[in-house]
Amino acid sequence: MARTTDAPAAGPGRRVGSISLVTGANRGIGHEVARRLGVLGHTVLLGARSADAAESAARELRAAGLDAHPVLLDVRDPAGVRRAAAEVERRFGGLDTLVNNAAITYDTWQRATDADLDVVAEAGETNLYGPWRTVQAFLPLLRRSAHPRVVNVSSEAASLTNMGGGTPAYTISKVGLNALTRMLAAELRPDRVLVNAICPGWVATEMGGPGGRPVAAGAAGIVWAATLPDNGPTGGFFRDTHPLPW
């Protein structure tokens, strides 16, 4: 079947033939990011906690003519993340782009003054430590890439400049993810790995709820960061390609 044409044509930085892994890609923003990267010519690996969910999401993209493959990947499971990295190396021989999209717990019902710290810790396990362990596991593959990219899906809620109260589990975990982005960008600069944090905005997904911007609008900035040219920014925090205050 012909590929859809609602993403930009391949051009500088868009690297047809790249292998890209998106975590939490069975629905929402992650699924749309994977679809758009597939339209651009990437081999897309759709990570999900359930093998059935990953396969169903990949099957949908294959039906649209895209080169899409499921990967069982629960970012909370260290052994499982390592197995996924070994599987990607065995099946595909490498990795060019890692999009850390999987996230949980938009805890609008909580305040920092009386937050359930078990909920905070659970959010951190997925939203911060999950991307961290995933980068560590896949880093040997990324270092071998000619154009390695890491995109951490963050939130403007994590901007210390504009921060208020509320949603402590989600916000604190994304603040940590932003700090990790800065550290990885500095440490991986010699390896030419571009690492950036992207806020997709308030998006109408299962987590975001109704009333947000379309999923396609939220995904666009993530795809931009995943397809940056080699002289693109690293260690930045962006929304819709524009810098956000830390």
C-alpha atoms as a PDB file:
ATOM      1  CA  MET A   1       0.000   0.000   0.000  1.00  0.00           C
ATOM      2  CA  ALA A   2       1.141   3.561  -0.600  1.00  0.00           C
ATOM      3  CA  ARG A   3       2.504   5.486   2.335  1.00  0.00           C
ATOM      4  CA  THR A   4       0.512   8.374   3.705  1.00  0.00           C
ATOM      5  CA  THR A   5       1.795  11.822   2.817  1.00  0.00           C
ATOM      6  CA  ASP A   6       0.892  14.091   5.755  1.00  0.00           C
ATOM      7  CA  ALA A   7       4.488  14.250   7.059  1.00  0.00           C
ATOM      8  CA  PRO A   8       7.293  16.264   5.433  1.00  0.00           C
ATOM      9  CA  ALA A   9       9.203  14.702   2.596  1.00  0.00           C
ATOM     10  CA  ALA A  10      12.633  13.300   3.410  1.00  0.00           C
ATOM     11  CA  GLY A  11      15.322  15.956   3.525  1.00  0.00           C
ATOM     12  CA  PRO A  12      18.376  17.076   5.535  1.00  0.00           C
ATOM     13  CA  GLY A  13      18.403  15.296   8.863  1.00  0.00           C
ATOM     14  CA  ARG A  14      15.549  12.953   7.964  1.00  0.00           C
ATOM     15  CA  ARG A  15      17.812   9.997   7.211  1.00  0.00           C
ATOM     16  CA  VAL A  16      15.759   7.504   5.210  1.00  0.00           C
ATOM     17  CA  GLY A  17      16.713   4.041   6.414  1.00  0.00           C
ATOM     18  CA  SER A  18      17.278   5.003  10.044  1.00  0.00           C
ATOM     19  CA  ILE A  19      16.159   2.593  12.760  1.00  0.00           C
ATOM     20  CA  SER A  20      14.075   4.341  15.408  1.00  0.00           C
ATOM     21  CA  LEU A  21      12.661   2.972  18.669  1.00  0.00           C
ATOM     22  CA  VAL A  22       9.728   4.684  20.396  1.00  0.00           C
ATOM     23  CA  THR A  23       8.736   3.595  23.898  1.00  0.00           C
ATOM     24  CA  GLY A  24       5.069   3.610  24.840  1.00  0.00           C
ATOM     25  CA  ALA A  25       4.248   3.477  21.135  1.00  0.00           C
ATOM     26  CA  ASN A  26       1.082   1.402  21.256  1.00  0.00           C
ATOM     27  CA  ARG A  27      -1.153   4.487  21.507  1.00  0.00           C
ATOM     28  CA  GLY A  28      -1.334   8.257  21.694  1.00  0.00           C
ATOM     29  CA  ILE A  29       1.685  10.438  21.038  1.00  0.00           C
ATOM     30  CA  GLY A  30       4.100   7.513  20.865  1.00  0.00           C
ATOM     31  CA  HIS A  31       2.090   5.772  18.178  1.00  0.00           C
ATOM     32  CA  GLU A  32       1.806   8.960  16.127  1.00  0.00           C
ATOM     33  CA  VAL A  33       5.543   9.636  16.438  1.00  0.00           C
ATOM     34  CA  ALA A  34       6.276   6.111  15.220  1.00  0.00           C
ATOM     35  CA  ARG A  35       3.868   6.546  12.308  1.00  0.00           C
ATOM     36  CA  ARG A  36       5.409   9.843  11.233  1.00  0.00           C
ATOM     37  CA  LEU A  37       8.940   8.479  11.443  1.00  0.00           C
ATOM     38  CA  GLY A  38       7.790   5.528   9.346  1.00  0.00           C
ATOM     39  CA  VAL A  39       6.371   7.902   6.740  1.00  0.00           C
ATOM     40  CA  LEU A  40       9.788   9.551   6.607  1.00  0.00           C
ATOM     41  CA  GLY A  41      11.371   6.221   5.720  1.00  0.00           C
ATOM     42  CA  HIS A  42      12.557   5.021   9.116  1.00  0.00           C
ATOM     43  CA  THR A  43      12.298   1.449  10.272  1.00  0.00           C
ATOM     44  CA  VAL A  44      10.189   1.996  13.388  1.00  0.00           C
ATOM     45  CA  LEU A  45      10.270  -0.219  16.450  1.00  0.00           C
ATOM     46  CA  LEU A  46       7.191   0.154  18.617  1.00  0.00           C
ATOM     47  CA  GLY A  47       7.905  -0.535  22.272  1.00  0.00           C
ATOM     48  CA  ALA A  48       5.094  -1.477  24.646  1.00  0.00           C
ATOM     49  CA  ARG A  49       4.688  -3.275  27.967  1.00  0.00           C
ATOM     50  CA  SER A  50       2.436  -5.881  26.335  1.00  0.00           C
ATOM     51  CA  ALA A  51       3.578  -8.010  23.405  1.00  0.00           C
ATOM     52  CA  ASP A  52       0.013  -8.034  22.064  1.00  0.00           C
ATOM     53  CA  ALA A  53      -0.254  -4.231  22.275  1.00  0.00           C
ATOM     54  CA  ALA A  54       3.084  -3.782  20.528  1.00  0.00           C
ATOM     55  CA  GLU A  55       2.138  -6.206  17.752  1.00  0.00           C
ATOM     56  CA  SER A  56      -1.297  -4.638  17.244  1.00  0.00           C
ATOM     57  CA  ALA A  57       0.211  -1.139  16.978  1.00  0.00           C
ATOM     58  CA  ALA A  58       2.915  -2.302  14.568  1.00  0.00           C
ATOM     59  CA  ARG A  59       0.365  -4.188  12.467  1.00  0.00           C
ATOM     60  CA  GLU A  60      -1.657  -0.998  12.047  1.00  0.00           C
ATOM     61  CA  LEU A  61       1.383   0.840  10.678  1.00  0.00           C
ATOM     62  CA  ARG A  62       2.354  -2.054   8.426  1.00  0.00           C
ATOM     63  CA  ALA A  63      -1.143  -1.935   6.957  1.00  0.00           C
ATOM     64  CA  ALA A  64      -0.333   1.640   5.908  1.00  0.00           C
ATOM     65  CA  GLY A  65       2.801   0.434   4.109  1.00  0.00           C
ATOM     66  CA  LEU A  66       5.307   1.342   6.828  1.00  0.00           C
ATOM     67  CA  ASP A  67       8.272  -0.707   8.036  1.00  0.00           C
ATOM     68  CA  ALA A  68       7.091  -1.255  11.619  1.00  0.00           C
ATOM     69  CA  HIS A  69       8.007  -3.908  14.177  1.00  0.00           C
ATOM     70  CA  PRO A  70       6.883  -4.666  17.746  1.00  0.00           C
ATOM     71  CA  VAL A  71       9.311  -4.711  20.671  1.00  0.00           C
ATOM     72  CA  LEU A  72       8.317  -5.945  24.117  1.00  0.00           C
ATOM     73  CA  LEU A  73       9.677  -3.190  26.337  1.00  0.00           C
ATOM     74  CA  ASP A  74       8.623  -2.341  29.883  1.00  0.00           C
ATOM     75  CA  VAL A  75      10.917   0.520  30.898  1.00  0.00           C
ATOM     76  CA  ARG A  76      10.379  -0.328  34.579  1.00  0.00           C
ATOM     77  CA  ASP A  77      11.975  -3.769  34.151  1.00  0.00           C
ATOM     78  CA  PRO A  78      15.801  -3.574  34.026  1.00  0.00           C
ATOM     79  CA  ALA A  79      16.239  -7.151  32.779  1.00  0.00           C
ATOM     80  CA  GLY A  80      13.480  -6.673  30.214  1.00  0.00           C
ATOM     81  CA  VAL A  81      15.088  -3.479  28.897  1.00  0.00           C
ATOM     82  CA  ARG A  82      18.397  -5.282  28.481  1.00  0.00           C
ATOM     83  CA  ARG A  83      16.653  -8.131  26.653  1.00  0.00           C
ATOM     84  CA  ALA A  84      14.982  -5.620  24.342  1.00  0.00           C
ATOM     85  CA  ALA A  85      18.345  -4.038  23.520  1.00  0.00           C
ATOM     86  CA  ALA A  86      19.807  -7.455  22.733  1.00  0.00           C
ATOM     87  CA  GLU A  87      16.784  -8.265  20.557  1.00  0.00           C
ATOM     88  CA  VAL A  88      17.097  -5.000  18.608  1.00  0.00           C
ATOM     89  CA  GLU A  89      20.795  -5.661  18.013  1.00  0.00           C
ATOM     90  CA  ARG A  90      20.099  -9.218  16.879  1.00  0.00           C
ATOM     91  CA  ARG A  91      17.164  -8.391  14.609  1.00  0.00           C
ATOM     92  CA  PHE A  92      18.160  -5.003  13.239  1.00  0.00           C
ATOM     93  CA  GLY A  93      21.888  -4.674  13.855  1.00  0.00           C
ATOM     94  CA  GLY A  94      21.760  -1.243  15.461  1.00  0.00           C
ATOM     95  CA  LEU A  95      19.736   1.780  16.502  1.00  0.00           C
ATOM     96  CA  ASP A  96      19.833   5.394  15.319  1.00  0.00           C
ATOM     97  CA  THR A  97      17.071   7.095  17.285  1.00  0.00           C
ATOM     98  CA  LEU A  98      15.596   6.479  20.725  1.00  0.00           C
ATOM     99  CA  VAL A  99      12.401   8.315  21.688  1.00  0.00           C
ATOM    100  CA  ASN A 100      11.686   7.991  25.407  1.00  0.00           C
ATOM    101  CA  ASN A 101       7.941   8.557  25.375  1.00  0.00           C
ATOM    102  CA  ALA A 102       6.515   6.116  27.949  1.00  0.00           C
ATOM    103  CA  ALA A 103       5.087   7.934  30.972  1.00  0.00           C
ATOM    104  CA  ILE A 104       2.427   7.560  33.673  1.00  0.00           C
ATOM    105  CA  THR A 105       0.596   9.394  36.466  1.00  0.00           C
ATOM    106  CA  TYR A 106      -0.656  12.860  35.659  1.00  0.00           C
ATOM    107  CA  ASP A 107      -1.658  13.292  39.304  1.00  0.00           C
ATOM    108  CA  THR A 108      -3.914  16.346  39.204  1.00  0.00           C
ATOM    109  CA  TRP A 109      -5.531  15.225  42.481  1.00  0.00           C
ATOM    110  CA  GLN A 110      -2.313  15.677  44.503  1.00  0.00           C
ATOM    111  CA  ARG A 111      -0.392  18.571  46.061  1.00  0.00           C
ATOM    112  CA  ALA A 112       3.215  18.463  47.236  1.00  0.00           C
ATOM    113  CA  THR A 113       2.202  19.307  50.810  1.00  0.00           C
ATOM    114  CA  ASP A 114       0.389  16.017  51.336  1.00  0.00           C
ATOM    115  CA  ALA A 115       1.323  13.896  48.310  1.00  0.00           C
ATOM    116  CA  ASP A 116       1.400  10.120  48.531  1.00  0.00           C
ATOM    117  CA  LEU A 117       5.126   9.540  48.119  1.00  0.00           C
ATOM    118  CA  ASP A 118       4.527   5.988  46.923  1.00  0.00           C
ATOM    119  CA  VAL A 119       2.718   7.500  43.929  1.00  0.00           C
ATOM    120  CA  VAL A 120       5.625   9.898  43.420  1.00  0.00           C
ATOM    121  CA  ALA A 121       8.122   7.040  43.530  1.00  0.00           C
ATOM    122  CA  GLU A 122       6.058   4.978  41.079  1.00  0.00           C
ATOM    123  CA  ALA A 123       5.957   7.873  38.624  1.00  0.00           C
ATOM    124  CA  GLY A 124       9.709   8.319  38.912  1.00  0.00           C
ATOM    125  CA  GLU A 125      10.284   4.649  38.161  1.00  0.00           C
ATOM    126  CA  THR A 126       8.619   5.011  34.756  1.00  0.00           C
ATOM    127  CA  ASN A 127       9.122   8.672  33.864  1.00  0.00           C
ATOM    128  CA  LEU A 128      12.733   9.136  34.992  1.00  0.00           C
ATOM    129  CA  TYR A 129      14.443   5.847  35.747  1.00  0.00           C
ATOM    130  CA  GLY A 130      12.728   4.176  32.797  1.00  0.00           C
ATOM    131  CA  PRO A 131      14.278   6.493  30.194  1.00  0.00           C
ATOM    132  CA  TRP A 132      17.565   6.433  32.100  1.00  0.00           C
ATOM    133  CA  ARG A 133      17.904   2.645  32.051  1.00  0.00           C
ATOM    134  CA  THR A 134      16.689   2.528  28.446  1.00  0.00           C
ATOM    135  CA  VAL A 135      19.388   4.962  27.313  1.00  0.00           C
ATOM    136  CA  GLN A 136      22.016   2.971  29.208  1.00  0.00           C
ATOM    137  CA  ALA A 137      20.906  -0.315  27.634  1.00  0.00           C
ATOM    138  CA  PHE A 138      20.753   1.016  24.072  1.00  0.00           C
ATOM    139  CA  LEU A 139      23.772   3.305  24.258  1.00  0.00           C
ATOM    140  CA  PRO A 140      26.211   0.803  22.704  1.00  0.00           C
ATOM    141  CA  LEU A 141      23.950   0.660  19.637  1.00  0.00           C
ATOM    142  CA  LEU A 142      23.476   4.426  19.494  1.00  0.00           C
ATOM    143  CA  ARG A 143      27.211   5.035  19.720  1.00  0.00           C
ATOM    144  CA  ARG A 144      27.688   2.945  16.566  1.00  0.00           C
ATOM    145  CA  SER A 145      25.182   5.020  14.622  1.00  0.00           C
ATOM    146  CA  ALA A 146      26.313   7.669  12.163  1.00  0.00           C
ATOM    147  CA  HIS A 147      23.484   9.989  13.292  1.00  0.00           C
ATOM    148  CA  PRO A 148      22.436   9.066  16.862  1.00  0.00           C
ATOM    149  CA  ARG A 149      19.536  10.893  18.499  1.00  0.00           C
ATOM    150  CA  VAL A 150      17.847  10.638  21.903  1.00  0.00           C
ATOM    151  CA  VAL A 151      14.551  12.433  22.479  1.00  0.00           C
ATOM    152  CA  ASN A 152      13.111  12.620  25.994  1.00  0.00           C
ATOM    153  CA  VAL A 153       9.421  13.498  25.995  1.00  0.00           C
ATOM    154  CA  SER A 154       9.081  15.982  28.826  1.00  0.00           C
ATOM    155  CA  SER A 155       6.580  18.688  29.792  1.00  0.00           C
ATOM    156  CA  GLU A 156       6.509  22.438  30.236  1.00  0.00           C
ATOM    157  CA  ALA A 157       5.241  21.634  33.735  1.00  0.00           C
ATOM    158  CA  ALA A 158       8.870  20.757  34.517  1.00  0.00           C
ATOM    159  CA  SER A 159      10.096  24.298  33.815  1.00  0.00           C
ATOM    160  CA  LEU A 160      11.436  25.620  37.125  1.00  0.00           C
ATOM    161  CA  THR A 161      11.088  29.157  35.774  1.00  0.00           C
ATOM    162  CA  ASN A 162       7.302  28.926  35.538  1.00  0.00           C
ATOM    163  CA  MET A 163       6.554  26.207  38.082  1.00  0.00           C
ATOM    164  CA  GLY A 164       3.620  26.408  40.445  1.00  0.00           C
ATOM    165  CA  GLY A 165       1.950  23.800  42.626  1.00  0.00           C
ATOM    166  CA  GLY A 166       0.154  20.563  41.854  1.00  0.00           C
ATOM    167  CA  THR A 167       0.752  17.302  39.977  1.00  0.00           C
ATOM    168  CA  PRO A 168       3.871  16.628  42.090  1.00  0.00           C
ATOM    169  CA  ALA A 169       4.575  13.051  40.970  1.00  0.00           C
ATOM    170  CA  TYR A 170       4.420  13.880  37.276  1.00  0.00           C
ATOM    171  CA  THR A 171       6.168  17.230  37.597  1.00  0.00           C
ATOM    172  CA  ILE A 172       9.067  16.076  39.763  1.00  0.00           C
ATOM    173  CA  SER A 173       9.705  13.085  37.517  1.00  0.00           C
ATOM    174  CA  LYS A 174       9.834  15.333  34.441  1.00  0.00           C
ATOM    175  CA  VAL A 175      12.146  17.800  36.211  1.00  0.00           C
ATOM    176  CA  GLY A 176      14.483  14.865  36.763  1.00  0.00           C
ATOM    177  CA  LEU A 177      14.144  13.872  33.114  1.00  0.00           C
ATOM    178  CA  ASN A 178      15.147  17.380  32.059  1.00  0.00           C
ATOM    179  CA  ALA A 179      18.226  17.207  34.278  1.00  0.00           C
ATOM    180  CA  LEU A 180      19.091  13.812  32.820  1.00  0.00           C
ATOM    181  CA  THR A 181      18.763  15.312  29.331  1.00  0.00           C
ATOM    182  CA  ARG A 182      21.323  17.978  30.139  1.00  0.00           C
ATOM    183  CA  MET A 183      23.766  15.496  31.668  1.00  0.00           C
ATOM    184  CA  LEU A 184      23.491  12.998  28.823  1.00  0.00           C
ATOM    185  CA  ALA A 185      23.888  15.720  26.208  1.00  0.00           C
ATOM    186  CA  ALA A 186      27.112  16.902  27.843  1.00  0.00           C
ATOM    187  CA  GLU A 187      28.532  13.421  28.350  1.00  0.00           C
ATOM    188  CA  LEU A 188      27.589  12.155  24.881  1.00  0.00           C
ATOM    189  CA  ARG A 189      28.684  15.188  22.888  1.00  0.00           C
ATOM    190  CA  PRO A 190      32.008  13.487  22.006  1.00  0.00           C
ATOM    191  CA  ASP A 191      29.986  10.569  20.604  1.00  0.00           C
ATOM    192  CA  ARG A 192      27.893  12.932  18.426  1.00  0.00           C
ATOM    193  CA  VAL A 193      24.674  11.894  20.170  1.00  0.00           C
ATOM    194  CA  LEU A 194      22.145  14.726  20.131  1.00  0.00           C
ATOM    195  CA  VAL A 195      19.969  14.594  23.266  1.00  0.00           C
ATOM    196  CA  ASN A 196      16.992  16.914  23.733  1.00  0.00           C
ATOM    197  CA  ALA A 197      13.852  17.214  25.856  1.00  0.00           C
ATOM    198  CA  ILE A 198      10.594  17.998  24.071  1.00  0.00           C
ATOM    199  CA  CYS A 199       7.305  19.238  25.490  1.00  0.00           C
ATOM    200  CA  PRO A 200       4.445  18.114  23.239  1.00  0.00           C
ATOM    201  CA  GLY A 201       2.021  20.453  24.992  1.00  0.00           C
ATOM    202  CA  TRP A 202      -1.315  19.469  26.481  1.00  0.00           C
ATOM    203  CA  VAL A 203      -2.464  16.773  24.089  1.00  0.00           C
ATOM    204  CA  ALA A 204      -5.825  15.014  23.950  1.00  0.00           C
ATOM    205  CA  THR A 205      -4.594  11.521  24.853  1.00  0.00           C
ATOM    206  CA  GLU A 206      -5.661   8.948  27.421  1.00  0.00           C
ATOM    207  CA  MET A 207      -3.350  10.632  29.951  1.00  0.00           C
ATOM    208  CA  GLY A 208      -3.986  14.236  28.907  1.00  0.00           C
ATOM    209  CA  GLY A 209      -7.757  13.902  28.675  1.00  0.00           C
ATOM    210  CA  PRO A 210     -10.171  15.759  26.386  1.00  0.00           C
ATOM    211  CA  GLY A 211      -9.691  19.376  25.406  1.00  0.00           C
ATOM    212  CA  GLY A 212      -6.006  19.281  24.493  1.00  0.00           C
ATOM    213  CA  ARG A 213      -4.364  19.872  21.139  1.00  0.00           C
ATOM    214  CA  PRO A 214      -4.499  17.128  18.491  1.00  0.00           C
ATOM    215  CA  VAL A 215      -2.074  14.240  18.871  1.00  0.00           C
ATOM    216  CA  ALA A 216      -0.481  15.114  15.535  1.00  0.00           C
ATOM    217  CA  ALA A 217       0.411  18.595  16.810  1.00  0.00           C
ATOM    218  CA  GLY A 218       2.045  17.173  19.929  1.00  0.00           C
ATOM    219  CA  ALA A 219       3.999  14.602  17.953  1.00  0.00           C
ATOM    220  CA  ALA A 220       5.426  17.070  15.437  1.00  0.00           C
ATOM    221  CA  GLY A 221       8.047  18.573  17.759  1.00  0.00           C
ATOM    222  CA  ILE A 222       9.206  15.138  18.851  1.00  0.00           C
ATOM    223  CA  VAL A 223       9.698  14.073  15.236  1.00  0.00           C
ATOM    224  CA  TRP A 224      11.620  17.301  14.624  1.00  0.00           C
ATOM    225  CA  ALA A 225      14.043  16.441  17.439  1.00  0.00           C
ATOM    226  CA  ALA A 226      14.336  12.839  16.256  1.00  0.00           C
ATOM    227  CA  THR A 227      15.338  13.976  12.764  1.00  0.00           C
ATOM    228  CA  LEU A 228      17.673  16.877  13.539  1.00  0.00           C
ATOM    229  CA  PRO A 229      20.637  17.374  11.218  1.00  0.00           C
ATOM    230  CA  ASP A 230      24.071  16.629  12.597  1.00  0.00           C
ATOM    231  CA  ASN A 231      24.649  20.306  13.424  1.00  0.00           C
ATOM    232  CA  GLY A 232      21.360  20.539  15.322  1.00  0.00           C
ATOM    233  CA  PRO A 233      21.006  21.509  18.982  1.00  0.00           C
ATOM    234  CA  THR A 234      21.733  19.214  21.899  1.00  0.00           C
ATOM    235  CA  GLY A 235      20.942  19.587  25.582  1.00  0.00           C
ATOM    236  CA  GLY A 236      17.901  21.736  24.823  1.00  0.00           C
ATOM    237  CA  PHE A 237      14.295  21.931  26.033  1.00  0.00           C
ATOM    238  CA  PHE A 238      11.805  22.716  23.258  1.00  0.00           C
ATOM    239  CA  ARG A 239       8.154  22.976  22.363  1.00  0.00           C
ATOM    240  CA  ASP A 240       7.137  23.224  18.709  1.00  0.00           C
ATOM    241  CA  THR A 241      10.855  23.682  17.825  1.00  0.00           C
ATOM    242  CA  HIS A 242      11.152  26.768  20.082  1.00  0.00           C
ATOM    243  CA  PRO A 243      13.289  26.789  23.272  1.00  0.00           C
ATOM    244  CA  LEU A 244      11.535  26.651  26.647  1.00  0.00           C
ATOM    245  CA  PRO A 245      12.982  28.114  29.856  1.00  0.00           C
ATOM    246  CA  TRP A 246      14.492  25.575  32.207  1.00  0.00           C
END
